[in-house]
Amino acid sequence: MLRSVEVTAELVCPRRDEAFHNLRWQQRLELSLDCFVCGRTGRTTSFRYGQEHALCSADRERPEHPAAARIAAFDITDERERTALRVFVDYWWAPFHDAKRDQAAATLPLTPWVRLHLGYYCPQARQSGAFDIQTNMVRPVRDACGHCDHPLATSEEAPAVRLLT
């Protein structure tokens, strides 16, 4: 069955001034999904925009493998002091039982986990940098430039993961 998930995140950003760091989404994310290919629940699945499939992390006994999933679309909204990201992920799901954990698979785990990757450019150091936001961080999370310590963004709420179909 084809399933779709919407991931949304909002960051509070400082006013844009001469130290503007051009914050941007790096078009990749990790999401916890149950994988019918390897028969394991709660697998970290890595996505990159434009790729036709994702990669399931599997486990120690099985190597990483392609997953029938992809980023279908994304949308970024920049307002004065807020940046919002919305990502749509499509994936194939089939019911199975994870024998190792003795639990049934779900279309979306009860506590879905997601990590979003962001990048920026420091005008002072003339170098790029990166940081992540994810659901299991203690909020608020404040990120600063790794080169000049200029504040970049604050994550006040965890990214939301919602099953659409």
N, C-alpha and C. Protein backbone atom coordinates (compact mmCIF):
# COMPACT_ATOMS: atom_id res chain seq x y z
N MET A 1 0.84 -1.17 0.00
CA MET A 1 0.00 0.00 0.00
C MET A 1 0.89 1.24 0.00
N LEU A 2 0.52 2.19 -0.80
CA LEU A 2 1.25 3.45 -0.84
C LEU A 2 0.78 4.33 0.32
N ARG A 3 1.72 4.83 1.09
CA ARG A 3 1.43 5.72 2.21
C ARG A 3 2.16 7.04 2.00
N SER A 4 1.61 8.10 2.59
CA SER A 4 2.23 9.42 2.51
C SER A 4 2.30 10.03 3.90
N VAL A 5 3.41 10.69 4.16
CA VAL A 5 3.65 11.33 5.44
C VAL A 5 4.01 12.79 5.18
N GLU A 6 3.51 13.67 6.04
CA GLU A 6 3.88 15.08 5.98
C GLU A 6 4.75 15.38 7.21
N VAL A 7 5.91 15.97 6.97
CA VAL A 7 6.80 16.41 8.04
C VAL A 7 6.84 17.93 8.01
N THR A 8 6.56 18.56 9.13
CA THR A 8 6.60 20.03 9.20
C THR A 8 7.51 20.46 10.34
N ALA A 9 8.20 21.55 10.12
CA ALA A 9 9.07 22.12 11.14
C ALA A 9 9.08 23.64 10.97
N GLU A 10 9.20 24.32 12.08
CA GLU A 10 9.27 25.78 12.05
C GLU A 10 10.43 26.25 12.91
N LEU A 11 11.19 27.19 12.38
CA LEU A 11 12.32 27.77 13.09
C LEU A 11 12.11 29.27 13.24
N VAL A 12 12.46 29.79 14.40
CA VAL A 12 12.46 31.23 14.63
C VAL A 12 13.86 31.72 14.31
N CYS A 13 13.94 32.70 13.42
CA CYS A 13 15.24 33.20 12.97
C CYS A 13 15.42 34.65 13.39
N PRO A 14 16.66 35.05 13.65
CA PRO A 14 16.90 36.46 13.97
C PRO A 14 16.60 37.33 12.75
N ARG A 15 16.39 38.61 13.01
CA ARG A 15 16.15 39.53 11.89
C ARG A 15 17.28 39.45 10.89
N ARG A 16 16.92 39.62 9.65
CA ARG A 16 17.95 39.62 8.60
C ARG A 16 18.68 40.95 8.61
N ASP A 17 19.98 40.88 8.71
CA ASP A 17 20.82 42.07 8.77
C ASP A 17 22.09 41.82 7.97
N GLU A 18 23.11 42.59 8.23
CA GLU A 18 24.36 42.44 7.47
C GLU A 18 25.04 41.10 7.76
N ALA A 19 24.67 40.44 8.86
CA ALA A 19 25.26 39.14 9.19
C ALA A 19 24.36 37.98 8.74
N PHE A 20 23.46 38.22 7.78
CA PHE A 20 22.54 37.19 7.29
C PHE A 20 23.32 35.98 6.80
N HIS A 21 22.90 34.79 7.23
CA HIS A 21 23.64 33.56 6.95
C HIS A 21 22.97 32.65 5.92
N ASN A 22 21.93 33.10 5.24
CA ASN A 22 21.29 32.35 4.16
C ASN A 22 20.97 30.90 4.58
N LEU A 23 20.17 30.76 5.61
CA LEU A 23 19.76 29.46 6.11
C LEU A 23 18.95 28.72 5.05
N ARG A 24 19.22 27.41 4.88
CA ARG A 24 18.51 26.64 3.85
C ARG A 24 18.43 25.17 4.26
N TRP A 25 17.40 24.49 3.73
CA TRP A 25 17.25 23.06 3.95
C TRP A 25 18.17 22.35 2.99
N GLN A 26 18.85 21.31 3.45
CA GLN A 26 19.81 20.60 2.62
C GLN A 26 19.19 19.46 1.82
N GLN A 27 17.87 19.41 1.75
CA GLN A 27 17.12 18.47 0.92
C GLN A 27 17.39 17.01 1.27
N ARG A 28 17.59 16.74 2.55
CA ARG A 28 17.72 15.37 3.01
C ARG A 28 17.18 15.27 4.42
N LEU A 29 16.75 14.07 4.79
CA LEU A 29 16.21 13.83 6.12
C LEU A 29 16.29 12.36 6.45
N GLU A 30 16.14 12.05 7.73
CA GLU A 30 16.01 10.68 8.21
C GLU A 30 14.68 10.59 8.93
N LEU A 31 14.00 9.46 8.76
CA LEU A 31 12.67 9.25 9.33
C LEU A 31 12.58 7.80 9.80
N SER A 32 11.97 7.57 10.96
CA SER A 32 11.80 6.20 11.44
C SER A 32 10.56 5.59 10.78
N LEU A 33 10.77 4.46 10.11
CA LEU A 33 9.69 3.73 9.45
C LEU A 33 9.85 2.24 9.70
N ASP A 34 8.76 1.51 9.59
CA ASP A 34 8.81 0.06 9.64
C ASP A 34 9.06 -0.44 8.23
N CYS A 35 10.07 -1.31 8.07
CA CYS A 35 10.50 -1.74 6.74
C CYS A 35 10.10 -3.19 6.47
N PHE A 36 9.21 -3.39 5.51
CA PHE A 36 8.78 -4.74 5.17
C PHE A 36 9.86 -5.51 4.40
N VAL A 37 10.83 -4.82 3.82
CA VAL A 37 11.90 -5.49 3.07
C VAL A 37 12.76 -6.32 4.02
N CYS A 38 13.23 -5.70 5.12
CA CYS A 38 14.07 -6.44 6.08
C CYS A 38 13.26 -6.98 7.24
N GLY A 39 11.96 -6.63 7.30
CA GLY A 39 11.10 -7.17 8.34
C GLY A 39 11.37 -6.63 9.72
N ARG A 40 11.83 -5.36 9.79
CA ARG A 40 12.16 -4.75 11.08
C ARG A 40 11.35 -3.48 11.28
N THR A 41 10.97 -3.23 12.53
CA THR A 41 10.22 -2.02 12.87
C THR A 41 11.18 -0.93 13.34
N GLY A 42 10.75 0.31 13.22
CA GLY A 42 11.52 1.44 13.73
C GLY A 42 12.88 1.64 13.10
N ARG A 43 13.00 1.41 11.82
CA ARG A 43 14.28 1.57 11.12
C ARG A 43 14.50 3.03 10.74
N THR A 44 15.72 3.50 10.88
CA THR A 44 16.07 4.82 10.40
C THR A 44 16.20 4.73 8.89
N THR A 45 15.38 5.52 8.20
CA THR A 45 15.35 5.52 6.75
C THR A 45 15.86 6.87 6.26
N SER A 46 16.88 6.87 5.41
CA SER A 46 17.52 8.11 4.93
C SER A 46 16.98 8.49 3.57
N PHE A 47 16.61 9.76 3.43
CA PHE A 47 16.04 10.29 2.20
C PHE A 47 16.90 11.42 1.67
N ARG A 48 16.98 11.52 0.36
CA ARG A 48 17.63 12.64 -0.31
C ARG A 48 16.71 13.06 -1.45
N TYR A 49 16.37 14.34 -1.52
CA TYR A 49 15.46 14.82 -2.55
C TYR A 49 16.02 14.53 -3.94
N GLY A 50 15.18 13.99 -4.80
CA GLY A 50 15.57 13.67 -6.17
C GLY A 50 15.94 12.21 -6.36
N GLN A 51 16.23 11.48 -5.29
CA GLN A 51 16.53 10.06 -5.42
C GLN A 51 15.22 9.27 -5.51
N GLU A 52 15.24 8.21 -6.29
CA GLU A 52 14.04 7.41 -6.52
C GLU A 52 13.76 6.43 -5.38
N HIS A 53 14.70 6.25 -4.47
CA HIS A 53 14.47 5.38 -3.32
C HIS A 53 15.25 5.93 -2.13
N ALA A 54 14.82 5.49 -0.95
CA ALA A 54 15.51 5.85 0.28
C ALA A 54 16.42 4.69 0.67
N LEU A 55 17.12 4.82 1.79
CA LEU A 55 17.97 3.74 2.29
C LEU A 55 17.55 3.39 3.71
N CYS A 56 17.26 2.11 3.93
CA CYS A 56 16.92 1.60 5.26
C CYS A 56 18.20 1.23 5.97
N SER A 57 18.33 1.63 7.23
CA SER A 57 19.55 1.33 7.99
C SER A 57 19.66 -0.15 8.37
N ALA A 58 18.57 -0.91 8.29
CA ALA A 58 18.52 -2.34 8.65
C ALA A 58 19.05 -2.52 10.07
N ASP A 59 19.89 -3.53 10.30
CA ASP A 59 20.45 -3.73 11.64
C ASP A 59 21.82 -4.39 11.50
N ARG A 60 22.40 -4.82 12.60
CA ARG A 60 23.76 -5.36 12.57
C ARG A 60 23.87 -6.63 11.74
N GLU A 61 22.79 -7.43 11.70
CA GLU A 61 22.83 -8.68 10.94
C GLU A 61 22.63 -8.47 9.44
N ARG A 62 21.97 -7.39 9.09
CA ARG A 62 21.66 -7.12 7.68
C ARG A 62 22.25 -5.77 7.28
N PRO A 63 22.76 -5.68 6.07
CA PRO A 63 23.33 -4.39 5.63
C PRO A 63 22.24 -3.40 5.21
N GLU A 64 22.65 -2.15 5.12
CA GLU A 64 21.78 -1.10 4.60
C GLU A 64 21.26 -1.53 3.22
N HIS A 65 20.00 -1.19 2.93
CA HIS A 65 19.42 -1.60 1.66
C HIS A 65 18.45 -0.55 1.14
N PRO A 66 18.15 -0.55 -0.17
CA PRO A 66 17.18 0.40 -0.72
C PRO A 66 15.79 0.15 -0.11
N ALA A 67 15.08 1.23 0.12
CA ALA A 67 13.71 1.17 0.63
C ALA A 67 12.79 1.82 -0.41
N ALA A 68 11.62 1.27 -0.54
CA ALA A 68 10.64 1.78 -1.52
C ALA A 68 10.00 3.04 -0.95
N ALA A 69 10.76 4.14 -0.96
CA ALA A 69 10.32 5.40 -0.38
C ALA A 69 11.09 6.54 -1.04
N ARG A 70 10.48 7.73 -1.02
CA ARG A 70 11.16 8.89 -1.60
C ARG A 70 10.52 10.17 -1.09
N ILE A 71 11.25 11.27 -1.21
CA ILE A 71 10.68 12.58 -0.93
C ILE A 71 9.88 12.97 -2.15
N ALA A 72 8.58 13.14 -1.99
CA ALA A 72 7.70 13.47 -3.10
C ALA A 72 7.71 14.96 -3.40
N ALA A 73 7.80 15.79 -2.36
CA ALA A 73 7.78 17.24 -2.55
C ALA A 73 8.23 17.92 -1.26
N PHE A 74 8.65 19.16 -1.40
CA PHE A 74 8.94 19.96 -0.21
C PHE A 74 8.61 21.42 -0.50
N ASP A 75 8.37 22.15 0.56
CA ASP A 75 7.98 23.54 0.45
C ASP A 75 8.61 24.30 1.61
N ILE A 76 9.20 25.44 1.32
CA ILE A 76 9.80 26.28 2.34
C ILE A 76 9.10 27.63 2.30
N THR A 77 8.71 28.11 3.47
CA THR A 77 8.07 29.41 3.59
C THR A 77 8.95 30.29 4.47
N ASP A 78 9.42 31.38 3.92
CA ASP A 78 10.23 32.34 4.68
C ASP A 78 9.40 33.57 4.97
N GLU A 79 9.19 33.83 6.25
CA GLU A 79 8.54 35.07 6.67
C GLU A 79 9.58 35.92 7.36
N ARG A 80 9.18 37.02 7.94
CA ARG A 80 10.14 37.93 8.56
C ARG A 80 11.09 37.26 9.52
N GLU A 81 10.56 36.60 10.52
CA GLU A 81 11.42 36.00 11.54
C GLU A 81 11.14 34.52 11.72
N ARG A 82 10.52 33.88 10.74
CA ARG A 82 10.21 32.46 10.82
C ARG A 82 10.47 31.79 9.47
N THR A 83 10.98 30.57 9.56
CA THR A 83 11.17 29.73 8.39
C THR A 83 10.42 28.43 8.65
N ALA A 84 9.54 28.07 7.75
CA ALA A 84 8.78 26.84 7.90
C ALA A 84 9.13 25.89 6.76
N LEU A 85 9.25 24.63 7.09
CA LEU A 85 9.57 23.60 6.11
C LEU A 85 8.47 22.56 6.15
N ARG A 86 8.04 22.14 4.97
CA ARG A 86 7.05 21.06 4.85
C ARG A 86 7.57 20.09 3.81
N VAL A 87 7.68 18.81 4.20
CA VAL A 87 8.20 17.76 3.33
C VAL A 87 7.16 16.66 3.24
N PHE A 88 6.93 16.16 2.03
CA PHE A 88 6.02 15.04 1.81
C PHE A 88 6.84 13.83 1.39
N VAL A 89 6.64 12.73 2.12
CA VAL A 89 7.34 11.48 1.85
C VAL A 89 6.31 10.43 1.43
N ASP A 90 6.58 9.75 0.33
CA ASP A 90 5.77 8.61 -0.11
C ASP A 90 6.56 7.35 0.13
N TYR A 91 5.89 6.28 0.61
CA TYR A 91 6.58 5.01 0.81
C TYR A 91 5.59 3.86 0.70
N TRP A 92 6.11 2.71 0.32
CA TRP A 92 5.30 1.49 0.26
C TRP A 92 5.37 0.81 1.60
N TRP A 93 4.21 0.32 2.05
CA TRP A 93 4.12 -0.36 3.33
C TRP A 93 3.27 -1.60 3.18
N ALA A 94 3.65 -2.67 3.84
CA ALA A 94 2.88 -3.90 3.90
C ALA A 94 2.94 -4.43 5.32
N PRO A 95 1.87 -5.04 5.80
CA PRO A 95 1.88 -5.56 7.17
C PRO A 95 2.87 -6.72 7.32
N PHE A 96 3.55 -6.78 8.46
CA PHE A 96 4.46 -7.88 8.79
C PHE A 96 4.63 -7.92 10.29
N HIS A 97 5.30 -8.95 10.78
CA HIS A 97 5.58 -9.08 12.20
C HIS A 97 7.10 -9.10 12.39
N ASP A 98 7.61 -8.19 13.21
CA ASP A 98 9.04 -8.14 13.51
C ASP A 98 9.33 -9.22 14.55
N ALA A 99 9.93 -10.31 14.11
CA ALA A 99 10.19 -11.45 14.99
C ALA A 99 11.21 -11.11 16.08
N LYS A 100 12.17 -10.26 15.76
CA LYS A 100 13.22 -9.92 16.74
C LYS A 100 12.64 -9.13 17.91
N ARG A 101 11.73 -8.21 17.63
CA ARG A 101 11.12 -7.39 18.68
C ARG A 101 9.76 -7.91 19.12
N ASP A 102 9.26 -8.94 18.43
CA ASP A 102 7.94 -9.51 18.70
C ASP A 102 6.85 -8.44 18.71
N GLN A 103 6.77 -7.71 17.60
CA GLN A 103 5.73 -6.70 17.47
C GLN A 103 5.30 -6.57 16.01
N ALA A 104 4.06 -6.16 15.86
CA ALA A 104 3.51 -5.97 14.52
C ALA A 104 3.96 -4.63 13.96
N ALA A 105 4.12 -4.57 12.66
CA ALA A 105 4.49 -3.32 12.00
C ALA A 105 3.31 -2.36 12.00
N ALA A 106 3.61 -1.09 11.91
CA ALA A 106 2.59 -0.04 11.84
C ALA A 106 2.90 0.85 10.64
N THR A 107 1.86 1.48 10.09
CA THR A 107 2.10 2.37 8.96
C THR A 107 2.98 3.54 9.35
N LEU A 108 2.87 3.96 10.60
CA LEU A 108 3.75 5.00 11.15
C LEU A 108 3.94 4.66 12.62
N PRO A 109 5.18 4.62 13.11
CA PRO A 109 5.41 4.29 14.52
C PRO A 109 4.64 5.24 15.45
N LEU A 110 4.31 4.76 16.65
CA LEU A 110 3.58 5.57 17.62
C LEU A 110 4.31 6.86 17.96
N THR A 111 5.62 6.79 18.04
CA THR A 111 6.44 7.98 18.31
C THR A 111 7.41 8.15 17.14
N PRO A 112 6.94 8.69 16.03
CA PRO A 112 7.83 8.83 14.86
C PRO A 112 8.97 9.80 15.16
N TRP A 113 10.11 9.48 14.61
CA TRP A 113 11.32 10.28 14.80
C TRP A 113 11.75 10.81 13.45
N VAL A 114 12.18 12.06 13.41
CA VAL A 114 12.67 12.65 12.17
C VAL A 114 13.85 13.57 12.47
N ARG A 115 14.81 13.61 11.54
CA ARG A 115 15.93 14.54 11.61
C ARG A 115 15.98 15.29 10.29
N LEU A 116 16.04 16.61 10.37
CA LEU A 116 16.13 17.48 9.19
C LEU A 116 17.50 18.15 9.18
N HIS A 117 18.09 18.25 8.02
CA HIS A 117 19.43 18.83 7.88
C HIS A 117 19.32 20.22 7.26
N LEU A 118 20.00 21.18 7.87
CA LEU A 118 20.01 22.55 7.38
C LEU A 118 21.44 23.01 7.16
N GLY A 119 21.59 23.94 6.25
CA GLY A 119 22.89 24.51 5.96
C GLY A 119 22.83 26.02 5.99
N TYR A 120 23.98 26.65 5.98
CA TYR A 120 24.06 28.11 5.97
C TYR A 120 25.41 28.52 5.41
N TYR A 121 25.53 29.81 5.14
CA TYR A 121 26.81 30.37 4.65
C TYR A 121 27.17 31.54 5.54
N CYS A 122 28.35 31.49 6.15
CA CYS A 122 28.81 32.55 7.02
C CYS A 122 29.49 33.63 6.18
N PRO A 123 28.92 34.85 6.13
CA PRO A 123 29.54 35.90 5.32
C PRO A 123 30.86 36.40 5.90
N GLN A 124 31.05 36.27 7.21
CA GLN A 124 32.28 36.73 7.84
C GLN A 124 33.43 35.77 7.53
N ALA A 125 33.21 34.47 7.71
CA ALA A 125 34.26 33.47 7.47
C ALA A 125 34.31 33.02 6.01
N ARG A 126 33.25 33.35 5.28
CA ARG A 126 33.12 32.93 3.88
C ARG A 126 33.23 31.41 3.74
N GLN A 127 32.51 30.73 4.65
CA GLN A 127 32.48 29.27 4.66
C GLN A 127 31.07 28.78 4.95
N SER A 128 30.78 27.59 4.48
CA SER A 128 29.49 26.97 4.75
C SER A 128 29.53 26.23 6.08
N GLY A 129 28.36 25.98 6.61
CA GLY A 129 28.22 25.20 7.83
C GLY A 129 26.90 24.45 7.79
N ALA A 130 26.67 23.60 8.76
CA ALA A 130 25.44 22.81 8.80
C ALA A 130 25.06 22.49 10.23
N PHE A 131 23.77 22.22 10.43
CA PHE A 131 23.26 21.73 11.71
C PHE A 131 21.99 20.94 11.44
N ASP A 132 21.52 20.22 12.45
CA ASP A 132 20.33 19.38 12.35
C ASP A 132 19.32 19.78 13.40
N ILE A 133 18.05 19.50 13.10
CA ILE A 133 17.01 19.53 14.12
C ILE A 133 16.31 18.18 14.06
N GLN A 134 15.88 17.69 15.21
CA GLN A 134 15.20 16.41 15.23
C GLN A 134 14.17 16.39 16.35
N THR A 135 13.29 15.42 16.28
CA THR A 135 12.16 15.38 17.21
C THR A 135 12.56 15.14 18.65
N ASN A 136 13.62 14.40 18.91
CA ASN A 136 13.95 14.01 20.29
C ASN A 136 14.95 14.94 20.97
N MET A 137 14.93 16.20 20.64
CA MET A 137 15.80 17.17 21.31
C MET A 137 14.98 17.93 22.37
N VAL A 138 15.62 18.35 23.43
CA VAL A 138 14.96 19.14 24.46
C VAL A 138 14.84 20.57 23.93
N ARG A 139 13.62 21.10 23.91
CA ARG A 139 13.36 22.42 23.36
C ARG A 139 13.36 23.47 24.46
N PRO A 140 13.66 24.73 24.12
CA PRO A 140 14.07 25.20 22.80
C PRO A 140 15.53 24.86 22.50
N VAL A 141 15.81 24.70 21.21
CA VAL A 141 17.17 24.43 20.74
C VAL A 141 17.61 25.66 19.95
N ARG A 142 18.73 26.24 20.35
CA ARG A 142 19.27 27.41 19.66
C ARG A 142 20.54 26.99 18.93
N ASP A 143 20.59 27.29 17.64
CA ASP A 143 21.78 26.97 16.85
C ASP A 143 22.47 28.26 16.45
N ALA A 144 23.80 28.23 16.49
CA ALA A 144 24.61 29.38 16.13
C ALA A 144 25.64 28.97 15.08
N CYS A 145 26.15 29.94 14.37
CA CYS A 145 27.17 29.71 13.35
C CYS A 145 28.42 29.12 14.01
N GLY A 146 28.95 28.06 13.41
CA GLY A 146 30.15 27.44 13.93
C GLY A 146 31.41 28.23 13.67
N HIS A 147 31.30 29.30 12.86
CA HIS A 147 32.47 30.11 12.52
C HIS A 147 32.52 31.42 13.31
N CYS A 148 31.37 32.12 13.41
CA CYS A 148 31.37 33.44 14.06
C CYS A 148 30.43 33.52 15.27
N ASP A 149 29.73 32.43 15.58
CA ASP A 149 28.82 32.34 16.72
C ASP A 149 27.57 33.21 16.59
N HIS A 150 27.27 33.70 15.38
CA HIS A 150 26.05 34.47 15.14
C HIS A 150 24.84 33.55 15.29
N PRO A 151 23.77 33.98 15.99
CA PRO A 151 22.59 33.12 16.13
C PRO A 151 21.95 32.85 14.76
N LEU A 152 21.61 31.58 14.51
CA LEU A 152 21.02 31.19 13.23
C LEU A 152 19.52 30.95 13.33
N ALA A 153 19.11 30.11 14.28
CA ALA A 153 17.70 29.76 14.39
C ALA A 153 17.44 29.12 15.75
N THR A 154 16.16 29.18 16.15
CA THR A 154 15.71 28.52 17.37
C THR A 154 14.57 27.60 17.01
N SER A 155 14.67 26.36 17.44
CA SER A 155 13.60 25.38 17.26
C SER A 155 12.82 25.33 18.58
N GLU A 156 11.62 25.93 18.58
CA GLU A 156 10.83 25.99 19.80
C GLU A 156 9.94 24.77 19.98
N GLU A 157 9.54 24.15 18.87
CA GLU A 157 8.70 22.96 18.90
C GLU A 157 9.32 21.87 18.05
N ALA A 158 9.10 20.63 18.44
CA ALA A 158 9.63 19.50 17.68
C ALA A 158 8.97 19.43 16.31
N PRO A 159 9.71 18.98 15.29
CA PRO A 159 9.07 18.76 13.99
C PRO A 159 7.90 17.79 14.15
N ALA A 160 6.85 18.00 13.37
CA ALA A 160 5.66 17.16 13.43
C ALA A 160 5.67 16.17 12.27
N VAL A 161 5.24 14.95 12.54
CA VAL A 161 5.15 13.90 11.53
C VAL A 161 3.71 13.43 11.53
N ARG A 162 3.05 13.53 10.36
CA ARG A 162 1.63 13.20 10.27
C ARG A 162 1.38 12.26 9.08
N LEU A 163 0.68 11.16 9.34
CA LEU A 163 0.32 10.22 8.29
C LEU A 163 -0.86 10.80 7.51
N LEU A 164 -0.72 10.90 6.18
CA LEU A 164 -1.78 11.44 5.34
C LEU A 164 -2.68 10.36 4.76
N THR A 165 -2.08 9.29 4.24
CA THR A 165 -2.87 8.21 3.64
C THR A 165 -2.34 6.87 4.07
